[in-house]
């Protein structure tokens, strides 16, 4: 599900991919439900492609969002993001991902991640696990099974 949810540089919030044109994407704002075009010059990243630095590796965003969801029992994160102090954000995030890299994960990154989480929850997007791609063997088994 996160592959079709996009963050667009310079535009607040998150967007859902609706359609693709020749030189643009059509996206819908999760907050305002307005559809807008996004062009090749815009920096667009899928939430499915984002990872968080830890001390030893990078953790995919879907795992971090799932940890927040488990901690909050599927409810919104209780932190007041506009007025949250950096130490409070780091302490909260340490409960979710204890070994996050404190030098490369900034308080603004934590704020953005938690605001994304709250926006996703508000839009009933609660399944953060990536879609499983079929391997070639599974595709061949499916074809063989339908040919019988």
Protein backbone atom coordinates (compact mmCIF):
# COMPACT_ATOMS: atom_id res chain seq x y z
CA UNK A 1 0.00 0.00 0.00
CA UNK A 2 2.82 2.42 0.79
CA UNK A 3 4.15 2.23 -2.80
CA UNK A 4 1.18 4.32 -4.00
CA UNK A 5 1.46 6.89 -1.18
CA UNK A 6 3.79 9.71 -2.19
CA UNK A 7 5.63 12.58 -0.57
CA UNK A 8 6.19 15.55 -2.89
CA UNK A 9 8.93 18.05 -2.11
CA UNK A 10 7.51 21.52 -1.55
CA UNK A 11 3.95 20.30 -0.96
CA UNK A 12 2.67 19.56 2.56
CA UNK A 13 1.13 16.22 3.45
CA UNK A 14 0.90 12.98 1.55
CA UNK A 15 -0.61 12.10 -1.80
CA UNK A 16 -2.14 8.96 -3.28
CA UNK A 17 -1.19 8.04 -6.83
CA UNK A 18 -4.35 8.08 -8.94
CA UNK A 19 -3.09 7.87 -12.52
CA UNK A 20 -0.08 8.35 -14.73
CA UNK A 21 0.06 10.54 -17.81
CA UNK A 22 2.77 10.98 -20.43
CA UNK A 23 4.87 13.52 -18.52
CA UNK A 24 3.04 13.68 -15.22
CA UNK A 25 1.34 11.87 -12.38
CA UNK A 26 -2.17 12.58 -11.14
CA UNK A 27 -2.22 12.49 -7.36
CA UNK A 28 -4.86 13.10 -4.71
CA UNK A 29 -4.08 14.85 -1.45
CA UNK A 30 -4.92 12.63 1.52
CA UNK A 31 -5.82 15.66 3.63
CA UNK A 32 -7.87 17.73 1.19
CA UNK A 33 -8.97 15.06 -1.32
CA UNK A 34 -8.02 17.41 -4.19
CA UNK A 35 -6.48 15.95 -7.34
CA UNK A 36 -3.48 17.73 -8.79
CA UNK A 37 -0.90 17.01 -11.50
CA UNK A 38 2.72 16.39 -10.55
CA UNK A 39 5.37 16.88 -13.21
CA UNK A 40 8.78 15.37 -13.84
CA UNK A 41 10.51 18.43 -12.32
CA UNK A 42 8.87 17.77 -8.93
CA UNK A 43 10.79 15.60 -6.48
CA UNK A 44 8.47 12.69 -5.68
CA UNK A 45 9.25 9.75 -3.41
CA UNK A 46 7.15 6.75 -2.54
CA UNK A 47 6.82 5.92 1.16
CA UNK A 48 7.66 2.35 0.18
CA UNK A 49 11.16 3.52 -0.79
CA UNK A 50 11.99 5.30 2.48
CA UNK A 51 14.09 3.77 5.26
CA UNK A 52 15.22 4.99 8.68
CA UNK A 53 18.86 4.87 9.74
CA UNK A 54 19.79 2.71 12.71
CA UNK A 55 23.19 2.06 14.25
CA UNK A 56 23.79 -1.01 12.10
CA UNK A 57 21.43 -0.90 9.08
CA UNK A 58 18.44 0.85 7.54
CA UNK A 59 14.91 -0.16 8.60
CA UNK A 60 12.15 0.15 5.96
CA UNK A 61 9.53 2.78 6.77
CA UNK A 62 6.72 0.21 6.80
CA UNK A 63 8.35 -1.56 9.76
CA UNK A 64 8.70 1.72 11.68
CA UNK A 65 5.07 2.70 10.96
CA UNK A 66 3.95 -0.75 12.09
CA UNK A 67 5.89 -0.28 15.34
CA UNK A 68 4.17 3.07 15.94
CA UNK A 69 0.80 1.46 15.19
CA UNK A 70 1.50 -1.37 17.66
CA UNK A 71 2.64 1.08 20.35
CA UNK A 72 -0.46 3.26 19.89
CA UNK A 73 -2.93 0.36 19.35
CA UNK A 74 -3.86 1.72 15.92
CA UNK A 75 -4.63 5.21 17.26
CA UNK A 76 -2.96 8.50 16.36
CA UNK A 77 0.37 9.34 18.00
CA UNK A 78 -0.37 11.47 21.11
CA UNK A 79 2.53 13.91 20.66
CA UNK A 80 1.64 17.54 19.92
CA UNK A 81 3.88 17.83 16.86
CA UNK A 82 3.95 21.62 16.34
CA UNK A 83 5.18 22.30 19.87
CA UNK A 84 7.12 19.07 20.55
CA UNK A 85 10.63 19.57 21.88
CA UNK A 86 13.51 17.69 20.18
CA UNK A 87 14.30 15.69 23.35
CA UNK A 88 10.65 14.58 23.68
CA UNK A 89 10.59 13.49 20.03
CA UNK A 90 13.82 11.52 20.42
CA UNK A 91 12.56 9.87 23.62
CA UNK A 92 9.28 8.86 21.95
CA UNK A 93 11.08 7.57 18.86
CA UNK A 94 13.52 5.59 21.05
CA UNK A 95 10.51 3.63 22.36
CA UNK A 96 9.61 2.69 18.78
CA UNK A 97 13.09 2.16 17.34
CA UNK A 98 15.61 1.97 20.21
CA UNK A 99 18.72 1.80 18.03
CA UNK A 100 17.91 4.64 15.60
CA UNK A 101 20.95 6.66 14.53
CA UNK A 102 20.75 9.79 16.68
CA UNK A 103 23.25 11.63 14.46
CA UNK A 104 21.46 11.05 11.14
CA UNK A 105 17.79 11.01 12.22
CA UNK A 106 16.87 14.58 13.09
CA UNK A 107 13.91 15.79 15.19
CA UNK A 108 12.30 17.18 12.00
CA UNK A 109 12.51 13.68 10.45
CA UNK A 110 10.73 12.22 13.49
CA UNK A 111 8.10 14.97 13.33
CA UNK A 112 7.50 14.29 9.63
CA UNK A 113 7.27 10.53 10.18
CA UNK A 114 4.75 10.94 13.01
CA UNK A 115 2.69 13.45 11.01
CA UNK A 116 2.64 10.97 8.09
CA UNK A 117 1.58 8.21 10.48
CA UNK A 118 -1.26 10.35 11.87
CA UNK A 119 -2.39 11.29 8.35
CA UNK A 120 -2.38 7.66 7.22
CA UNK A 121 -4.37 6.57 10.29
CA UNK A 122 -6.86 9.42 9.77
CA UNK A 123 -7.42 8.13 6.22
CA UNK A 124 -7.92 4.50 7.35
CA UNK A 125 -4.64 3.38 5.80
CA UNK A 126 -3.48 1.03 8.51
CA UNK A 127 -1.84 -1.85 6.63
CA UNK A 128 1.75 -0.79 6.15
CA UNK A 129 3.11 -4.15 4.95
CA UNK A 130 4.41 -4.06 1.38
CA UNK A 131 2.62 -6.02 -1.30
CA UNK A 132 4.36 -9.31 -1.94
CA UNK A 133 5.69 -9.70 -5.46
CA UNK A 134 5.24 -13.12 -6.99
CA UNK A 135 8.45 -14.90 -7.89
CA UNK A 136 8.83 -16.39 -11.36
CA UNK A 137 8.24 -19.86 -9.89
CA UNK A 138 4.94 -18.74 -8.29
CA UNK A 139 3.83 -17.14 -11.57
CA UNK A 140 4.65 -20.37 -13.47
CA UNK A 141 2.72 -22.42 -10.88
CA UNK A 142 -0.27 -20.11 -11.29
CA UNK A 143 -0.12 -20.47 -15.07
CA UNK A 144 0.28 -24.26 -14.82
CA UNK A 145 -2.63 -24.51 -12.40
CA UNK A 146 -4.94 -22.50 -14.67
CA UNK A 147 -3.97 -24.57 -17.73
CA UNK A 148 -5.14 -27.83 -16.14
